[in-house]
Amino acid sequence: MRVCVLNFSGNVGKSTVSAHLLQPRLGAPVFSVESVNMDAESDGIEVSRVRGQHFAELQQRLMKLDAAIVDVGSSNIEAFLKLMQQYADSQEDFDWFVVPVVKDAKQQGDTINTIRALRAIGVPPSKIRVVINKVETDDDLRHDFAAVYAFCENGEATLPDGAVIYANDIFPGLKALQMTIGDLNGDTTDYRQKLREARNEDEQDVAINMIAMKRLAKTCNKNLDAAYGALFLQ
């Protein structure tokens, strides 16, 4: 499965979606189309960087892969879509286009415009999946994202029930550690034992932080499994 993650807006969580939602479940390489902002590498995974104007190179690499994730930065999306239009039918190289959205009004407007741009180059609504990001468990999603829901329900894209990533303190913590949730889940270190053996306050703080991070990882991983299933398996 080849997935393109994009939005005209920054700060909607494209790299988080690529690094933590998609990459662990697809086991696929991540290509970052970005020239200004940080990409998924800051989330602890290896990425291949490609400039938006080097679409031909990216296209050739994708054709050799059964699975891939392309994280398109907001500074490159216009060039990316323009070149995709120039290479007729190149949108067919992707099985899905994932558009993350957050609560802010500007980002919601940009999300709708992103979907419109994808539809304009021939991407069918069934291949455009919207994922709600950075919300609290008690938020009223239908109210807070009313414009996006209405647009999708008009048949322009799909916003599946359950395609939601909840805010979690783990994400800034992972950036600081340069780790992924998979790294945490695979870490068999007994940090309670480390805490008991700590020789100073710094070692105590490290052990306590890792205990907390592994607890957060369990909750987050359950949420991401559900969001992934809602996006692609329903």
Protein backbone atom coordinates (compact mmCIF):
# COMPACT_ATOMS: atom_id res chain seq x y z
CA MET A 1 0.00 0.00 0.00
CA ARG A 2 1.32 3.43 -0.98
CA VAL A 3 0.03 6.38 1.00
CA CYS A 4 0.48 10.12 0.49
CA VAL A 5 0.03 12.35 3.56
CA LEU A 6 -0.56 16.02 2.82
CA ASN A 7 -2.27 19.26 3.72
CA PHE A 8 -1.81 22.87 2.61
CA SER A 9 -1.47 23.74 6.31
CA GLY A 10 1.47 23.08 8.55
CA ASN A 11 1.08 21.94 12.16
CA VAL A 12 -1.67 19.41 11.45
CA GLY A 13 0.48 16.39 12.32
CA LYS A 14 1.49 15.03 8.90
CA SER A 15 4.81 13.77 10.18
CA THR A 16 3.21 12.29 13.29
CA VAL A 17 0.72 10.44 11.08
CA SER A 18 3.55 9.20 8.86
CA ALA A 19 5.92 8.16 11.65
CA HIS A 20 3.57 6.82 14.30
CA LEU A 21 0.29 5.87 12.63
CA LEU A 22 1.40 4.55 9.25
CA GLN A 23 5.04 3.47 9.29
CA PRO A 24 4.82 0.91 12.15
CA ARG A 25 1.72 -0.72 10.62
CA LEU A 26 2.88 -0.72 7.01
CA GLY A 27 6.57 -1.34 7.66
CA ALA A 28 7.18 0.92 4.67
CA PRO A 29 9.88 3.49 3.86
CA VAL A 30 8.99 7.13 4.41
CA PHE A 31 9.78 9.78 1.81
CA SER A 32 9.72 13.37 3.04
CA VAL A 33 8.90 15.98 0.39
CA GLU A 34 10.02 18.98 2.41
CA SER A 35 12.47 21.85 2.15
CA VAL A 36 11.65 24.09 5.11
CA ASN A 37 10.15 22.42 8.18
CA MET A 38 11.05 19.37 10.22
CA ASP A 39 9.92 16.03 8.85
CA ALA A 40 9.21 12.57 10.19
CA GLU A 41 12.90 12.05 10.97
CA SER A 42 12.38 14.25 14.03
CA ASP A 43 9.93 11.57 15.22
CA GLY A 44 12.70 9.00 15.37
CA ILE A 45 12.44 7.23 12.00
CA GLU A 46 14.69 7.23 8.98
CA VAL A 47 13.35 9.18 6.01
CA SER A 48 14.43 9.84 2.45
CA ARG A 49 14.18 13.52 1.53
CA VAL A 50 12.97 14.64 -1.87
CA ARG A 51 12.29 18.20 -3.04
CA GLY A 52 8.87 18.90 -4.50
CA GLN A 53 10.35 19.76 -7.88
CA HIS A 54 12.05 16.34 -8.06
CA PHE A 55 8.76 14.54 -8.58
CA ALA A 56 10.11 12.42 -11.45
CA GLU A 57 12.76 10.92 -9.14
CA LEU A 58 10.18 10.17 -6.47
CA GLN A 59 7.82 8.63 -9.02
CA GLN A 60 10.51 6.25 -10.24
CA ARG A 61 11.33 5.15 -6.71
CA LEU A 62 7.69 4.60 -5.79
CA MET A 63 7.04 2.41 -8.82
CA LYS A 64 9.59 -0.09 -7.48
CA LEU A 65 7.85 -0.40 -4.10
CA ASP A 66 4.71 -2.20 -3.02
CA ALA A 67 4.43 -0.05 0.09
CA ALA A 68 5.58 3.50 0.78
CA ILE A 69 4.61 6.61 2.72
CA VAL A 70 5.09 10.05 1.20
CA ASP A 71 4.95 12.92 3.69
CA VAL A 72 4.43 16.14 1.71
CA GLY A 73 5.39 19.28 3.61
CA SER A 74 3.20 22.36 3.34
CA SER A 75 6.06 24.32 1.73
CA ASN A 76 6.19 21.84 -1.15
CA ILE A 77 2.59 20.78 -1.67
CA GLU A 78 1.77 23.26 -4.46
CA ALA A 79 4.79 22.18 -6.52
CA PHE A 80 4.02 18.54 -5.75
CA LEU A 81 0.43 18.75 -6.95
CA LYS A 82 1.39 20.79 -10.01
CA LEU A 83 3.91 18.15 -11.06
CA MET A 84 1.47 15.36 -10.31
CA GLN A 85 -0.93 17.04 -12.72
CA GLN A 86 1.84 17.37 -15.31
CA TYR A 87 2.56 13.64 -15.07
CA ALA A 88 -0.91 12.53 -16.14
CA ASP A 89 -2.42 9.73 -14.03
CA SER A 90 0.47 9.77 -11.56
CA GLN A 91 -2.10 10.03 -8.75
CA GLU A 92 -2.84 6.40 -9.51
CA ASP A 93 0.54 5.48 -8.00
CA PHE A 94 -1.05 6.03 -4.58
CA ASP A 95 -3.67 3.82 -3.01
CA TRP A 96 -4.66 6.47 -0.47
CA PHE A 97 -4.30 10.18 0.19
CA VAL A 98 -4.49 10.92 3.92
CA VAL A 99 -5.32 14.48 4.99
CA PRO A 100 -4.84 15.20 8.72
CA VAL A 101 -6.93 18.01 10.22
CA VAL A 102 -6.89 19.83 13.56
CA LYS A 103 -9.49 22.00 15.26
CA ASP A 104 -8.24 25.46 14.20
CA ALA A 105 -10.48 27.21 11.67
CA LYS A 106 -7.62 28.02 9.27
CA GLN A 107 -6.39 24.44 9.20
CA GLN A 108 -9.91 23.19 8.57
CA GLY A 109 -10.27 25.59 5.64
CA ASP A 110 -6.91 24.46 4.27
CA THR A 111 -8.00 20.84 4.66
CA ILE A 112 -11.06 21.47 2.50
CA ASN A 113 -8.89 23.24 -0.08
CA THR A 114 -6.46 20.31 -0.04
CA ILE A 115 -9.29 17.91 -0.81
CA ARG A 116 -10.51 20.20 -3.60
CA ALA A 117 -7.01 20.27 -5.09
CA LEU A 118 -6.81 16.47 -5.01
CA ARG A 119 -10.22 16.15 -6.63
CA ALA A 120 -9.13 18.63 -9.33
CA ILE A 121 -6.26 16.38 -10.42
CA GLY A 122 -8.50 13.35 -10.63
CA VAL A 123 -8.23 11.67 -7.22
CA PRO A 124 -11.56 9.94 -6.51
CA PRO A 125 -13.26 10.70 -3.17
CA SER A 126 -12.98 7.07 -2.08
CA LYS A 127 -9.16 7.39 -2.02
CA ILE A 128 -9.11 10.57 0.08
CA ARG A 129 -9.21 9.81 3.81
CA VAL A 130 -9.40 12.53 6.47
CA VAL A 131 -8.02 11.85 9.95
CA ILE A 132 -8.85 14.12 12.89
CA ASN A 133 -5.78 14.90 14.98
CA LYS A 134 -4.84 16.46 18.33
CA VAL A 135 -8.25 16.33 20.03
CA GLU A 136 -9.36 15.49 23.54
CA THR A 137 -11.47 12.44 24.32
CA ASP A 138 -14.38 14.59 25.46
CA ASP A 139 -14.40 16.97 22.45
CA ASP A 140 -17.58 17.24 20.40
CA LEU A 141 -16.09 16.32 17.04
CA ARG A 142 -19.26 16.88 15.02
CA HIS A 143 -19.44 20.41 16.40
CA ASP A 144 -15.74 21.28 16.35
CA PHE A 145 -15.18 19.92 12.83
CA ALA A 146 -18.62 20.72 11.40
CA ALA A 147 -17.30 22.26 8.17
CA VAL A 148 -15.04 19.29 7.40
CA TYR A 149 -17.75 16.75 8.20
CA ALA A 150 -20.24 18.57 5.98
CA PHE A 151 -17.75 18.76 3.11
CA CYS A 152 -16.93 15.07 3.33
CA GLU A 153 -20.58 14.10 3.61
CA ASN A 154 -21.18 15.92 0.31
CA GLY A 155 -19.12 13.14 -1.25
CA GLU A 156 -15.78 14.90 -1.71
CA ALA A 157 -13.78 12.67 0.65
CA THR A 158 -14.17 10.09 3.40
CA LEU A 159 -13.95 10.89 7.10
CA PRO A 160 -14.49 7.49 8.72
CA ASP A 161 -15.93 7.15 12.20
CA GLY A 162 -13.03 6.39 14.51
CA ALA A 163 -10.34 8.02 12.35
CA VAL A 164 -9.23 10.13 15.29
CA ILE A 165 -5.85 10.63 16.95
CA TYR A 166 -6.19 11.96 20.47
CA ALA A 167 -3.79 14.40 22.08
CA ASN A 168 -1.18 12.52 24.08
CA ASP A 169 1.85 13.76 26.01
CA ILE A 170 3.85 10.99 24.39
CA PHE A 171 4.40 12.84 21.12
CA PRO A 172 6.60 15.70 22.39
CA GLY A 173 8.35 13.18 24.61
CA LEU A 174 9.16 10.97 21.63
CA LYS A 175 10.63 13.93 19.74
CA ALA A 176 12.88 14.70 22.70
CA LEU A 177 14.02 11.06 22.89
CA GLN A 178 14.23 10.62 19.09
CA MET A 179 12.23 7.43 19.49
CA THR A 180 9.10 5.91 18.01
CA ILE A 181 6.25 4.21 19.84
CA GLY A 182 7.55 0.96 18.36
CA ASP A 183 10.94 1.62 19.97
CA LEU A 184 9.24 2.08 23.33
CA ASN A 185 7.11 -1.03 22.98
CA GLY A 186 10.18 -3.02 22.00
CA ASP A 187 12.27 -1.75 24.92
CA THR A 188 12.44 -4.58 27.47
CA THR A 189 14.43 -2.58 30.04
CA ASP A 190 13.05 -2.89 33.57
CA TYR A 191 12.89 0.80 34.46
CA ARG A 192 11.44 0.07 37.89
CA GLN A 193 14.62 -1.85 38.62
CA LYS A 194 16.63 1.03 37.11
CA LEU A 195 14.82 3.38 39.47
CA ARG A 196 15.70 1.24 42.48
CA GLU A 197 19.34 1.08 41.37
CA ALA A 198 19.64 4.79 40.52
CA ARG A 199 22.76 6.37 41.97
CA ASN A 200 21.62 9.97 41.71
CA GLU A 201 18.59 12.15 41.00
CA ASP A 202 19.35 12.39 37.26
CA GLU A 203 19.24 8.60 36.90
CA GLN A 204 16.01 8.55 38.91
CA ASP A 205 14.46 11.16 36.60
CA VAL A 206 15.43 9.17 33.49
CA ALA A 207 13.88 5.98 34.87
CA ILE A 208 10.70 7.77 36.00
CA ASN A 209 10.34 9.44 32.59
CA MET A 210 10.70 6.14 30.77
CA ILE A 211 8.12 4.44 33.02
CA ALA A 212 5.68 7.25 32.21
CA MET A 213 6.47 7.13 28.49
CA LYS A 214 5.86 3.38 28.29
CA ARG A 215 2.51 3.83 30.04
CA LEU A 216 1.55 6.55 27.56
CA ALA A 217 2.69 4.33 24.69
CA LYS A 218 0.18 1.61 25.60
CA THR A 219 -2.74 4.06 25.51
CA CYS A 220 -1.50 5.76 22.36
CA ASN A 221 -0.85 2.53 20.51
CA LYS A 222 -4.40 1.34 21.21
CA ASN A 223 -5.74 4.64 19.83
CA LEU A 224 -3.54 4.45 16.73
CA ASP A 225 -4.59 0.85 16.02
CA ALA A 226 -8.22 1.95 16.11
CA ALA A 227 -7.57 4.98 13.89
CA TYR A 228 -5.68 2.86 11.36
CA GLY A 229 -8.47 0.30 11.26
CA ALA A 230 -11.05 3.04 10.74
CA LEU A 231 -9.06 4.61 7.90
CA PHE A 232 -8.21 1.52 5.88
CA LEU A 233 -9.90 -1.63 7.15
CA GLN A 234 -13.57 -0.69 7.33
